[in-house]
């Protein structure tokens, strides 16, 4: 039986949706100039305009992939039964992994730029 009230489903569908919407906004409306308010902001991405613009586009795509992955993982709990504690651990671990992969992939790509 499908369980839409599960912890894993609720957390990951919400966070995955937020990631996906934020990624689409960043992709469609990237910040024009380096700033401290909006966009993918790390010391590496803010070194030059070229790096800044590359980081915005690359991180938006990576964030959309992470959001989609979280939404896909959320579907596990629709068909498999997890305890609330296990579901919470899976959900927060998945979010942590998604954020880590987003940062690692973007920073690795930035390091390859001249």
PDB file of N, CA and C in Angstrom:
ATOM      1  N   UNK A   1       0.839  -1.186   0.000  1.00  0.00           N
ATOM      2  CA  UNK A   1       0.000   0.000   0.000  1.00  0.00           C
ATOM      3  C   UNK A   1       0.886   1.253   0.000  1.00  0.00           C
ATOM      4  N   UNK A   2       0.520   2.225  -0.763  1.00  0.00           N
ATOM      5  CA  UNK A   2       1.283   3.463  -0.876  1.00  0.00           C
ATOM      6  C   UNK A   2       1.028   4.333   0.355  1.00  0.00           C
ATOM      7  N   UNK A   3       2.143   4.833   0.951  1.00  0.00           N
ATOM      8  CA  UNK A   3       2.057   5.628   2.173  1.00  0.00           C
ATOM      9  C   UNK A   3       2.586   7.039   1.906  1.00  0.00           C
ATOM     10  N   UNK A   4       1.686   7.984   1.671  1.00  0.00           N
ATOM     11  CA  UNK A   4       2.087   9.356   1.378  1.00  0.00           C
ATOM     12  C   UNK A   4       2.417  10.162   2.630  1.00  0.00           C
ATOM     13  N   UNK A   5       2.133   9.626   3.804  1.00  0.00           N
ATOM     14  CA  UNK A   5       2.388  10.334   5.057  1.00  0.00           C
ATOM     15  C   UNK A   5       3.737   9.984   5.668  1.00  0.00           C
ATOM     16  N   UNK A   6       4.547   9.239   4.972  1.00  0.00           N
ATOM     17  CA  UNK A   6       5.807   8.772   5.542  1.00  0.00           C
ATOM     18  C   UNK A   6       6.812   9.911   5.695  1.00  0.00           C
ATOM     19  N   UNK A   7       7.683   9.756   6.667  1.00  0.00           N
ATOM     20  CA  UNK A   7       8.709  10.758   6.953  1.00  0.00           C
ATOM     21  C   UNK A   7       9.656  10.931   5.773  1.00  0.00           C
ATOM     22  N   UNK A   8      10.153   9.824   5.250  1.00  0.00           N
ATOM     23  CA  UNK A   8      11.112   9.873   4.141  1.00  0.00           C
ATOM     24  C   UNK A   8      10.500  10.573   2.935  1.00  0.00           C
ATOM     25  N   UNK A   9       9.298  10.186   2.582  1.00  0.00           N
ATOM     26  CA  UNK A   9       8.632  10.784   1.428  1.00  0.00           C
ATOM     27  C   UNK A   9       8.422  12.281   1.641  1.00  0.00           C
ATOM     28  N   UNK A  10       7.891  12.647   2.789  1.00  0.00           N
ATOM     29  CA  UNK A  10       7.570  14.055   3.065  1.00  0.00           C
ATOM     30  C   UNK A  10       8.800  14.951   3.027  1.00  0.00           C
ATOM     31  N   UNK A  11       9.861  14.529   3.704  1.00  0.00           N
ATOM     32  CA  UNK A  11      11.068  15.355   3.786  1.00  0.00           C
ATOM     33  C   UNK A  11      11.729  15.489   2.418  1.00  0.00           C
ATOM     34  N   UNK A  12      11.936  14.357   1.740  1.00  0.00           N
ATOM     35  CA  UNK A  12      12.689  14.401   0.485  1.00  0.00           C
ATOM     36  C   UNK A  12      11.897  14.997  -0.665  1.00  0.00           C
ATOM     37  N   UNK A  13      10.592  14.812  -0.687  1.00  0.00           N
ATOM     38  CA  UNK A  13       9.810  15.431  -1.761  1.00  0.00           C
ATOM     39  C   UNK A  13       9.817  16.952  -1.596  1.00  0.00           C
ATOM     40  N   UNK A  14       9.775  17.416  -0.348  1.00  0.00           N
ATOM     41  CA  UNK A  14       9.814  18.855  -0.074  1.00  0.00           C
ATOM     42  C   UNK A  14      11.188  19.438  -0.413  1.00  0.00           C
ATOM     43  N   UNK A  15      12.245  18.847   0.120  1.00  0.00           N
ATOM     44  CA  UNK A  15      13.597  19.367  -0.118  1.00  0.00           C
ATOM     45  C   UNK A  15      13.985  19.208  -1.587  1.00  0.00           C
ATOM     46  N   UNK A  16      13.663  18.071  -2.190  1.00  0.00           N
ATOM     47  CA  UNK A  16      13.951  17.867  -3.610  1.00  0.00           C
ATOM     48  C   UNK A  16      13.219  18.875  -4.478  1.00  0.00           C
ATOM     49  N   UNK A  17      11.980  19.181  -4.110  1.00  0.00           N
ATOM     50  CA  UNK A  17      11.218  20.187  -4.844  1.00  0.00           C
ATOM     51  C   UNK A  17      11.818  21.574  -4.708  1.00  0.00           C
ATOM     52  N   UNK A  18      12.234  21.926  -3.499  1.00  0.00           N
ATOM     53  CA  UNK A  18      12.870  23.232  -3.270  1.00  0.00           C
ATOM     54  C   UNK A  18      14.178  23.320  -4.058  1.00  0.00           C
ATOM     55  N   UNK A  19      14.990  22.254  -4.021  1.00  0.00           N
ATOM     56  CA  UNK A  19      16.232  22.224  -4.795  1.00  0.00           C
ATOM     57  C   UNK A  19      15.931  22.444  -6.276  1.00  0.00           C
ATOM     58  N   UNK A  20      14.947  21.738  -6.792  1.00  0.00           N
ATOM     59  CA  UNK A  20      14.631  21.815  -8.217  1.00  0.00           C
ATOM     60  C   UNK A  20      14.135  23.201  -8.616  1.00  0.00           C
ATOM     61  N   UNK A  21      13.267  23.784  -7.809  1.00  0.00           N
ATOM     62  CA  UNK A  21      12.757  25.128  -8.105  1.00  0.00           C
ATOM     63  C   UNK A  21      13.882  26.163  -8.016  1.00  0.00           C
ATOM     64  N   UNK A  22      14.711  26.074  -6.976  1.00  0.00           N
ATOM     65  CA  UNK A  22      15.838  27.006  -6.832  1.00  0.00           C
ATOM     66  C   UNK A  22      16.805  26.862  -8.003  1.00  0.00           C
ATOM     67  N   UNK A  23      17.035  25.634  -8.438  1.00  0.00           N
ATOM     68  CA  UNK A  23      17.941  25.391  -9.561  1.00  0.00           C
ATOM     69  C   UNK A  23      17.398  26.011 -10.844  1.00  0.00           C
ATOM     70  N   UNK A  24      16.108  25.850 -11.078  1.00  0.00           N
ATOM     71  CA  UNK A  24      15.514  26.431 -12.283  1.00  0.00           C
ATOM     72  C   UNK A  24      15.578  27.958 -12.248  1.00  0.00           C
ATOM     73  N   UNK A  25      15.331  28.545 -11.082  1.00  0.00           N
ATOM     74  CA  UNK A  25      15.430  30.002 -10.955  1.00  0.00           C
ATOM     75  C   UNK A  25      16.860  30.478 -11.191  1.00  0.00           C
ATOM     76  N   UNK A  26      17.832  29.761 -10.628  1.00  0.00           N
ATOM     77  CA  UNK A  26      19.234  30.128 -10.808  1.00  0.00           C
ATOM     78  C   UNK A  26      19.658  29.971 -12.268  1.00  0.00           C
ATOM     79  N   UNK A  27      19.156  28.949 -12.921  1.00  0.00           N
ATOM     80  CA  UNK A  27      19.499  28.713 -14.324  1.00  0.00           C
ATOM     81  C   UNK A  27      18.866  29.776 -15.230  1.00  0.00           C
ATOM     82  N   UNK A  28      17.600  30.080 -14.979  1.00  0.00           N
ATOM     83  CA  UNK A  28      16.892  31.038 -15.831  1.00  0.00           C
ATOM     84  C   UNK A  28      17.241  32.491 -15.526  1.00  0.00           C
ATOM     85  N   UNK A  29      17.528  32.771 -14.257  1.00  0.00           N
ATOM     86  CA  UNK A  29      17.823  34.143 -13.831  1.00  0.00           C
ATOM     87  C   UNK A  29      19.122  34.187 -13.031  1.00  0.00           C
ATOM     88  N   UNK A  30      20.249  33.865 -13.667  1.00  0.00           N
ATOM     89  CA  UNK A  30      21.513  33.882 -12.918  1.00  0.00           C
ATOM     90  C   UNK A  30      21.891  35.310 -12.548  1.00  0.00           C
ATOM     91  N   UNK A  31      22.588  35.480 -11.436  1.00  0.00           N
ATOM     92  CA  UNK A  31      23.031  36.825 -11.072  1.00  0.00           C
ATOM     93  C   UNK A  31      24.010  37.350 -12.121  1.00  0.00           C
ATOM     94  N   UNK A  32      23.839  38.584 -12.487  1.00  0.00           N
ATOM     95  CA  UNK A  32      24.668  39.182 -13.546  1.00  0.00           C
ATOM     96  C   UNK A  32      26.084  39.499 -13.067  1.00  0.00           C
ATOM     97  N   UNK A  33      26.177  39.957 -11.824  1.00  0.00           N
ATOM     98  CA  UNK A  33      27.470  40.361 -11.281  1.00  0.00           C
ATOM     99  C   UNK A  33      27.774  39.566 -10.018  1.00  0.00           C
ATOM    100  N   UNK A  34      29.040  39.481  -9.690  1.00  0.00           N
ATOM    101  CA  UNK A  34      29.458  38.835  -8.451  1.00  0.00           C
ATOM    102  C   UNK A  34      28.852  39.605  -7.287  1.00  0.00           C
ATOM    103  N   UNK A  35      28.195  38.877  -6.395  1.00  0.00           N
ATOM    104  CA  UNK A  35      27.558  39.515  -5.250  1.00  0.00           C
ATOM    105  C   UNK A  35      27.600  38.573  -4.054  1.00  0.00           C
ATOM    106  N   UNK A  36      27.226  39.084  -2.911  1.00  0.00           N
ATOM    107  CA  UNK A  36      27.231  38.292  -1.678  1.00  0.00           C
ATOM    108  C   UNK A  36      25.821  37.900  -1.252  1.00  0.00           C
ATOM    109  N   UNK A  37      24.847  38.049  -2.151  1.00  0.00           N
ATOM    110  CA  UNK A  37      23.460  37.829  -1.783  1.00  0.00           C
ATOM    111  C   UNK A  37      22.819  36.643  -2.492  1.00  0.00           C
ATOM    112  N   UNK A  38      23.066  36.492  -3.783  1.00  0.00           N
ATOM    113  CA  UNK A  38      22.310  35.543  -4.592  1.00  0.00           C
ATOM    114  C   UNK A  38      23.237  34.788  -5.529  1.00  0.00           C
ATOM    115  N   UNK A  39      23.074  33.476  -5.606  1.00  0.00           N
ATOM    116  CA  UNK A  39      23.846  32.662  -6.522  1.00  0.00           C
ATOM    117  C   UNK A  39      24.745  31.687  -5.795  1.00  0.00           C
ATOM    118  N   UNK A  40      25.542  30.965  -6.573  1.00  0.00           N
ATOM    119  CA  UNK A  40      26.514  30.030  -6.018  1.00  0.00           C
ATOM    120  C   UNK A  40      27.731  30.853  -5.609  1.00  0.00           C
ATOM    121  N   UNK A  41      27.909  31.036  -4.298  1.00  0.00           N
ATOM    122  CA  UNK A  41      28.936  31.943  -3.793  1.00  0.00           C
ATOM    123  C   UNK A  41      29.962  31.195  -2.960  1.00  0.00           C
ATOM    124  N   UNK A  42      31.112  30.962  -3.545  1.00  0.00           N
ATOM    125  CA  UNK A  42      32.263  30.458  -2.796  1.00  0.00           C
ATOM    126  C   UNK A  42      33.447  31.330  -3.189  1.00  0.00           C
ATOM    127  N   UNK A  43      34.509  31.260  -2.419  1.00  0.00           N
ATOM    128  CA  UNK A  43      35.681  32.080  -2.759  1.00  0.00           C
ATOM    129  C   UNK A  43      36.210  31.707  -4.142  1.00  0.00           C
ATOM    130  N   UNK A  44      36.117  30.445  -4.497  1.00  0.00           N
ATOM    131  CA  UNK A  44      36.592  29.980  -5.798  1.00  0.00           C
ATOM    132  C   UNK A  44      35.716  30.512  -6.938  1.00  0.00           C
ATOM    133  N   UNK A  45      34.417  30.571  -6.729  1.00  0.00           N
ATOM    134  CA  UNK A  45      33.521  31.044  -7.793  1.00  0.00           C
ATOM    135  C   UNK A  45      33.563  32.564  -7.946  1.00  0.00           C
ATOM    136  N   UNK A  46      34.046  33.257  -6.928  1.00  0.00           N
ATOM    137  CA  UNK A  46      34.040  34.718  -6.947  1.00  0.00           C
ATOM    138  C   UNK A  46      35.389  35.321  -7.364  1.00  0.00           C
ATOM    139  N   UNK A  47      36.305  34.493  -7.844  1.00  0.00           N
ATOM    140  CA  UNK A  47      37.632  34.989  -8.228  1.00  0.00           C
ATOM    141  C   UNK A  47      37.616  35.813  -9.508  1.00  0.00           C
ATOM    142  N   UNK A  48      36.699  35.516 -10.413  1.00  0.00           N
ATOM    143  CA  UNK A  48      36.627  36.266 -11.664  1.00  0.00           C
ATOM    144  C   UNK A  48      35.209  36.174 -12.218  1.00  0.00           C
ATOM    145  N   UNK A  49      34.910  37.051 -13.168  1.00  0.00           N
ATOM    146  CA  UNK A  49      33.589  37.020 -13.801  1.00  0.00           C
ATOM    147  C   UNK A  49      33.373  35.711 -14.558  1.00  0.00           C
ATOM    148  N   UNK A  50      34.427  35.216 -15.214  1.00  0.00           N
ATOM    149  CA  UNK A  50      34.312  33.959 -15.961  1.00  0.00           C
ATOM    150  C   UNK A  50      33.935  32.807 -15.027  1.00  0.00           C
ATOM    151  N   UNK A  51      34.633  32.708 -13.915  1.00  0.00           N
ATOM    152  CA  UNK A  51      34.336  31.653 -12.937  1.00  0.00           C
ATOM    153  C   UNK A  51      32.931  31.825 -12.364  1.00  0.00           C
ATOM    154  N   UNK A  52      32.561  33.062 -12.079  1.00  0.00           N
ATOM    155  CA  UNK A  52      31.250  33.350 -11.512  1.00  0.00           C
ATOM    156  C   UNK A  52      30.131  32.854 -12.430  1.00  0.00           C
ATOM    157  N   UNK A  53      30.197  33.237 -13.706  1.00  0.00           N
ATOM    158  CA  UNK A  53      29.146  32.856 -14.651  1.00  0.00           C
ATOM    159  C   UNK A  53      29.129  31.345 -14.882  1.00  0.00           C
ATOM    160  N   UNK A  54      30.307  30.745 -14.961  1.00  0.00           N
ATOM    161  CA  UNK A  54      30.382  29.292 -15.113  1.00  0.00           C
ATOM    162  C   UNK A  54      29.763  28.597 -13.905  1.00  0.00           C
ATOM    163  N   UNK A  55      30.106  29.056 -12.707  1.00  0.00           N
ATOM    164  CA  UNK A  55      29.619  28.422 -11.480  1.00  0.00           C
ATOM    165  C   UNK A  55      28.102  28.511 -11.365  1.00  0.00           C
ATOM    166  N   UNK A  56      27.517  29.614 -11.793  1.00  0.00           N
ATOM    167  CA  UNK A  56      26.063  29.764 -11.700  1.00  0.00           C
ATOM    168  C   UNK A  56      25.357  28.724 -12.561  1.00  0.00           C
ATOM    169  N   UNK A  57      25.809  28.586 -13.788  1.00  0.00           N
ATOM    170  CA  UNK A  57      25.174  27.645 -14.709  1.00  0.00           C
ATOM    171  C   UNK A  57      25.439  26.204 -14.280  1.00  0.00           C
ATOM    172  N   UNK A  58      26.688  25.894 -13.962  1.00  0.00           N
ATOM    173  CA  UNK A  58      27.052  24.527 -13.588  1.00  0.00           C
ATOM    174  C   UNK A  58      26.338  24.105 -12.306  1.00  0.00           C
ATOM    175  N   UNK A  59      26.334  24.970 -11.301  1.00  0.00           N
ATOM    176  CA  UNK A  59      25.706  24.612 -10.026  1.00  0.00           C
ATOM    177  C   UNK A  59      24.192  24.490 -10.162  1.00  0.00           C
ATOM    178  N   UNK A  60      23.588  25.279 -11.039  1.00  0.00           N
ATOM    179  CA  UNK A  60      22.142  25.164 -11.258  1.00  0.00           C
ATOM    180  C   UNK A  60      21.798  23.795 -11.834  1.00  0.00           C
ATOM    181  N   UNK A  61      22.591  23.339 -12.789  1.00  0.00           N
ATOM    182  CA  UNK A  61      22.363  22.015 -13.377  1.00  0.00           C
ATOM    183  C   UNK A  61      22.603  20.927 -12.336  1.00  0.00           C
ATOM    184  N   UNK A  62      23.682  21.052 -11.575  1.00  0.00           N
ATOM    185  CA  UNK A  62      23.984  20.064 -10.534  1.00  0.00           C
ATOM    186  C   UNK A  62      22.908  20.060  -9.447  1.00  0.00           C
ATOM    187  N   UNK A  63      22.383  21.232  -9.108  1.00  0.00           N
ATOM    188  CA  UNK A  63      21.332  21.311  -8.092  1.00  0.00           C
ATOM    189  C   UNK A  63      20.034  20.675  -8.597  1.00  0.00           C
ATOM    190  N   UNK A  64      19.724  20.862  -9.862  1.00  0.00           N
ATOM    191  CA  UNK A  64      18.536  20.235 -10.436  1.00  0.00           C
ATOM    192  C   UNK A  64      18.686  18.713 -10.416  1.00  0.00           C
ATOM    193  N   UNK A  65      19.879  18.229 -10.733  1.00  0.00           N
ATOM    194  CA  UNK A  65      20.132  16.790 -10.672  1.00  0.00           C
ATOM    195  C   UNK A  65      20.005  16.276  -9.240  1.00  0.00           C
ATOM    196  N   UNK A  66      20.521  17.027  -8.281  1.00  0.00           N
ATOM    197  CA  UNK A  66      20.403  16.637  -6.870  1.00  0.00           C
ATOM    198  C   UNK A  66      18.947  16.623  -6.427  1.00  0.00           C
ATOM    199  N   UNK A  67      18.205  17.640  -6.802  1.00  0.00           N
ATOM    200  CA  UNK A  67      16.786  17.704  -6.450  1.00  0.00           C
ATOM    201  C   UNK A  67      15.997  16.551  -7.043  1.00  0.00           C
ATOM    202  N   UNK A  68      16.291  16.238  -8.297  1.00  0.00           N
ATOM    203  CA  UNK A  68      15.630  15.109  -8.947  1.00  0.00           C
ATOM    204  C   UNK A  68      15.988  13.806  -8.250  1.00  0.00           C
ATOM    205  N   UNK A  69      17.256  13.664  -7.877  1.00  0.00           N
ATOM    206  CA  UNK A  69      17.685  12.470  -7.147  1.00  0.00           C
ATOM    207  C   UNK A  69      16.968  12.327  -5.815  1.00  0.00           C
ATOM    208  N   UNK A  70      16.813  13.426  -5.092  1.00  0.00           N
ATOM    209  CA  UNK A  70      16.100  13.385  -3.808  1.00  0.00           C
ATOM    210  C   UNK A  70      14.636  12.991  -4.003  1.00  0.00           C
ATOM    211  N   UNK A  71      14.018  13.511  -5.044  1.00  0.00           N
ATOM    212  CA  UNK A  71      12.625  13.155  -5.327  1.00  0.00           C
ATOM    213  C   UNK A  71      12.522  11.668  -5.660  1.00  0.00           C
ATOM    214  N   UNK A  72      13.476  11.155  -6.429  1.00  0.00           N
ATOM    215  CA  UNK A  72      13.467   9.721  -6.753  1.00  0.00           C
ATOM    216  C   UNK A  72      13.662   8.868  -5.505  1.00  0.00           C
ATOM    217  N   UNK A  73      14.575   9.281  -4.629  1.00  0.00           N
ATOM    218  CA  UNK A  73      14.808   8.536  -3.386  1.00  0.00           C
ATOM    219  C   UNK A  73      13.561   8.571  -2.504  1.00  0.00           C
ATOM    220  N   UNK A  74      12.821   9.672  -2.551  1.00  0.00           N
ATOM    221  CA  UNK A  74      11.604   9.772  -1.730  1.00  0.00           C
ATOM    222  C   UNK A  74      10.595   8.694  -2.097  1.00  0.00           C
ATOM    223  N   UNK A  75      10.613   8.262  -3.334  1.00  0.00           N
ATOM    224  CA  UNK A  75       9.652   7.245  -3.769  1.00  0.00           C
ATOM    225  C   UNK A  75       9.923   5.875  -3.150  1.00  0.00           C
ATOM    226  N   UNK A  76      11.127   5.673  -2.605  1.00  0.00           N
ATOM    227  CA  UNK A  76      11.419   4.400  -1.933  1.00  0.00           C
ATOM    228  C   UNK A  76      10.424   4.106  -0.826  1.00  0.00           C
ATOM    229  N   UNK A  77      10.102   5.137  -0.065  1.00  0.00           N
ATOM    230  CA  UNK A  77       9.234   4.944   1.096  1.00  0.00           C
ATOM    231  C   UNK A  77       7.770   4.751   0.717  1.00  0.00           C
ATOM    232  N   UNK A  78       7.443   4.993  -0.540  1.00  0.00           N
ATOM    233  CA  UNK A  78       6.077   4.744  -0.973  1.00  0.00           C
ATOM    234  C   UNK A  78       5.806   3.247  -1.091  1.00  0.00           C
ATOM    235  N   UNK A  79       6.859   2.492  -1.350  1.00  0.00           N
ATOM    236  CA  UNK A  79       6.686   1.066  -1.614  1.00  0.00           C
ATOM    237  C   UNK A  79       7.387   0.164  -0.606  1.00  0.00           C
ATOM    238  N   UNK A  80       8.324   0.713   0.149  1.00  0.00           N
ATOM    239  CA  UNK A  80       9.028  -0.056   1.173  1.00  0.00           C
ATOM    240  C   UNK A  80       8.680   0.512   2.543  1.00  0.00           C
ATOM    241  N   UNK A  81       8.614  -0.342   3.521  1.00  0.00           N
ATOM    242  CA  UNK A  81       8.256   0.111   4.873  1.00  0.00           C
ATOM    243  C   UNK A  81       9.520   0.354   5.688  1.00  0.00           C
ATOM    244  N   UNK A  82       9.707   1.587   6.148  1.00  0.00           N
ATOM    245  CA  UNK A  82      10.818   1.948   7.022  1.00  0.00           C
ATOM    246  C   UNK A  82      10.244   2.475   8.328  1.00  0.00           C
ATOM    247  N   UNK A  83      10.965   2.236   9.417  1.00  0.00           N
ATOM    248  CA  UNK A  83      10.556   2.858  10.677  1.00  0.00           C
ATOM    249  C   UNK A  83      10.796   4.363  10.548  1.00  0.00           C
ATOM    250  N   UNK A  84      10.144   5.146  11.394  1.00  0.00           N
ATOM    251  CA  UNK A  84      10.332   6.602  11.339  1.00  0.00           C
ATOM    252  C   UNK A  84      11.789   6.983  11.561  1.00  0.00           C
ATOM    253  N   UNK A  85      12.444   6.290  12.475  1.00  0.00           N
ATOM    254  CA  UNK A  85      13.846   6.592  12.769  1.00  0.00           C
ATOM    255  C   UNK A  85      14.726   6.292  11.557  1.00  0.00           C
ATOM    256  N   UNK A  86      14.536   5.143  10.929  1.00  0.00           N
ATOM    257  CA  UNK A  86      15.316   4.781   9.744  1.00  0.00           C
ATOM    258  C   UNK A  86      15.025   5.747   8.600  1.00  0.00           C
ATOM    259  N   UNK A  87      13.766   6.084   8.410  1.00  0.00           N
ATOM    260  CA  UNK A  87      13.383   7.009   7.343  1.00  0.00           C
ATOM    261  C   UNK A  87      14.028   8.375   7.545  1.00  0.00           C
ATOM    262  N   UNK A  88      14.080   8.835   8.786  1.00  0.00           N
ATOM    263  CA  UNK A  88      14.696  10.128   9.089  1.00  0.00           C
ATOM    264  C   UNK A  88      16.188  10.101   8.788  1.00  0.00           C
ATOM    265  N   UNK A  89      16.858   9.021   9.174  1.00  0.00           N
ATOM    266  CA  UNK A  89      18.296   8.886   8.898  1.00  0.00           C
ATOM    267  C   UNK A  89      18.542   8.855   7.393  1.00  0.00           C
ATOM    268  N   UNK A  90      17.749   8.096   6.658  1.00  0.00           N
ATOM    269  CA  UNK A  90      17.898   8.024   5.202  1.00  0.00           C
ATOM    270  C   UNK A  90      17.655   9.399   4.583  1.00  0.00           C
ATOM    271  N   UNK A  91      16.624  10.094   5.038  1.00  0.00           N
ATOM    272  CA  UNK A  91      16.283  11.403   4.470  1.00  0.00           C
ATOM    273  C   UNK A  91      17.406  12.412   4.683  1.00  0.00           C
ATOM    274  N   UNK A  92      17.856  12.557   5.924  1.00  0.00           N
ATOM    275  CA  UNK A  92      18.886  13.563   6.200  1.00  0.00           C
ATOM    276  C   UNK A  92      20.239  13.178   5.611  1.00  0.00           C
ATOM    277  N   UNK A  93      20.531  11.897   5.548  1.00  0.00           N
ATOM    278  CA  UNK A  93      21.768  11.446   4.899  1.00  0.00           C
ATOM    279  C   UNK A  93      21.718  11.746   3.406  1.00  0.00           C
ATOM    280  N   UNK A  94      20.566  11.529   2.800  1.00  0.00           N
ATOM    281  CA  UNK A  94      20.403  11.811   1.372  1.00  0.00           C
ATOM    282  C   UNK A  94      20.562  13.299   1.079  1.00  0.00           C
ATOM    283  N   UNK A  95      20.006  14.133   1.930  1.00  0.00           N
ATOM    284  CA  UNK A  95      20.135  15.583   1.751  1.00  0.00           C
ATOM    285  C   UNK A  95      21.598  16.001   1.902  1.00  0.00           C
ATOM    286  N   UNK A  96      22.263  15.491   2.922  1.00  0.00           N
ATOM    287  CA  UNK A  96      23.679  15.801   3.122  1.00  0.00           C
ATOM    288  C   UNK A  96      24.524  15.375   1.938  1.00  0.00           C
ATOM    289  N   UNK A  97      24.248  14.184   1.416  1.00  0.00           N
ATOM    290  CA  UNK A  97      24.982  13.686   0.257  1.00  0.00           C
ATOM    291  C   UNK A  97      24.701  14.542  -0.977  1.00  0.00           C
ATOM    292  N   UNK A  98      23.451  14.931  -1.162  1.00  0.00           N
ATOM    293  CA  UNK A  98      23.092  15.767  -2.313  1.00  0.00           C
ATOM    294  C   UNK A  98      23.822  17.109  -2.270  1.00  0.00           C
ATOM    295  N   UNK A  99      23.869  17.725  -1.096  1.00  0.00           N
ATOM    296  CA  UNK A  99      24.563  19.012  -0.947  1.00  0.00           C
ATOM    297  C   UNK A  99      26.065  18.830  -1.161  1.00  0.00           C
ATOM    298  N   UNK A 100      26.630  17.776  -0.567  1.00  0.00           N
ATOM    299  CA  UNK A 100      28.069  17.519  -0.714  1.00  0.00           C
ATOM    300  C   UNK A 100      28.431  17.293  -2.178  1.00  0.00           C
ATOM    301  N   UNK A 101      27.639  16.497  -2.886  1.00  0.00           N
ATOM    302  CA  UNK A 101      27.923  16.238  -4.298  1.00  0.00           C
ATOM    303  C   UNK A 101      27.807  17.509  -5.131  1.00  0.00           C
ATOM    304  N   UNK A 102      26.835  18.334  -4.820  1.00  0.00           N
ATOM    305  CA  UNK A 102      26.677  19.612  -5.515  1.00  0.00           C
ATOM    306  C   UNK A 102      27.931  20.468  -5.355  1.00  0.00           C
ATOM    307  N   UNK A 103      28.399  20.600  -4.130  1.00  0.00           N
ATOM    308  CA  UNK A 103      29.595  21.412  -3.859  1.00  0.00           C
ATOM    309  C   UNK A 103      30.847  20.803  -4.471  1.00  0.00           C
ATOM    310  N   UNK A 104      31.044  19.509  -4.288  1.00  0.00           N
ATOM    311  CA  UNK A 104      32.245  18.839  -4.797  1.00  0.00           C
ATOM    312  C   UNK A 104      32.299  18.917  -6.316  1.00  0.00           C
ATOM    313  N   UNK A 105      31.187  18.631  -6.973  1.00  0.00           N
ATOM    314  CA  UNK A 105      31.174  18.660  -8.440  1.00  0.00           C
ATOM    315  C   UNK A 105      31.436  20.067  -8.971  1.00  0.00           C
ATOM    316  N   UNK A 106      30.807  21.063  -8.370  1.00  0.00           N
ATOM    317  CA  UNK A 106      30.986  22.435  -8.848  1.00  0.00           C
ATOM    318  C   UNK A 106      32.402  22.930  -8.586  1.00  0.00           C
ATOM    319  N   UNK A 107      32.920  22.690  -7.396  1.00  0.00           N
ATOM    320  CA  UNK A 107      34.281  23.136  -7.085  1.00  0.00           C
ATOM    321  C   UNK A 107      35.316  22.407  -7.938  1.00  0.00           C
ATOM    322  N   UNK A 108      35.103  21.127  -8.205  1.00  0.00           N
ATOM    323  CA  UNK A 108      36.024  20.376  -9.075  1.00  0.00           C
ATOM    324  C   UNK A 108      36.012  20.948 -10.486  1.00  0.00           C
ATOM    325  N   UNK A 109      34.830  21.286 -10.979  1.00  0.00           N
ATOM    326  CA  UNK A 109      34.733  21.876 -12.313  1.00  0.00           C
ATOM    327  C   UNK A 109      35.391  23.249 -12.349  1.00  0.00           C
ATOM    328  N   UNK A 110      35.247  24.028 -11.285  1.00  0.00           N
ATOM    329  CA  UNK A 110      35.887  25.344 -11.227  1.00  0.00           C
ATOM    330  C   UNK A 110      37.408  25.227 -11.219  1.00  0.00           C
ATOM    331  N   UNK A 111      37.940  24.208 -10.561  1.00  0.00           N
ATOM    332  CA  UNK A 111      39.392  24.029 -10.504  1.00  0.00           C
ATOM    333  C   UNK A 111      39.982  23.719 -11.871  1.00  0.00           C
ATOM    334  N   UNK A 112      39.187  23.192 -12.775  1.00  0.00           N
ATOM    335  CA  UNK A 112      39.666  22.867 -14.118  1.00  0.00           C
ATOM    336  C   UNK A 112      39.729  24.090 -15.024  1.00  0.00           C
ATOM    337  N   UNK A 113      39.107  25.178 -14.588  1.00  0.00           N
ATOM    338  CA  UNK A 113      39.158  26.411 -15.381  1.00  0.00           C
ATOM    339  C   UNK A 113      40.530  27.062 -15.232  1.00  0.00           C
ATOM    340  N   UNK A 114      40.954  27.792 -16.261  1.00  0.00           N
ATOM    341  CA  UNK A 114      42.258  28.476 -16.153  1.00  0.00           C
ATOM    342  C   UNK A 114      42.235  29.612 -15.148  1.00  0.00           C
TER     343      UNK A 114
END
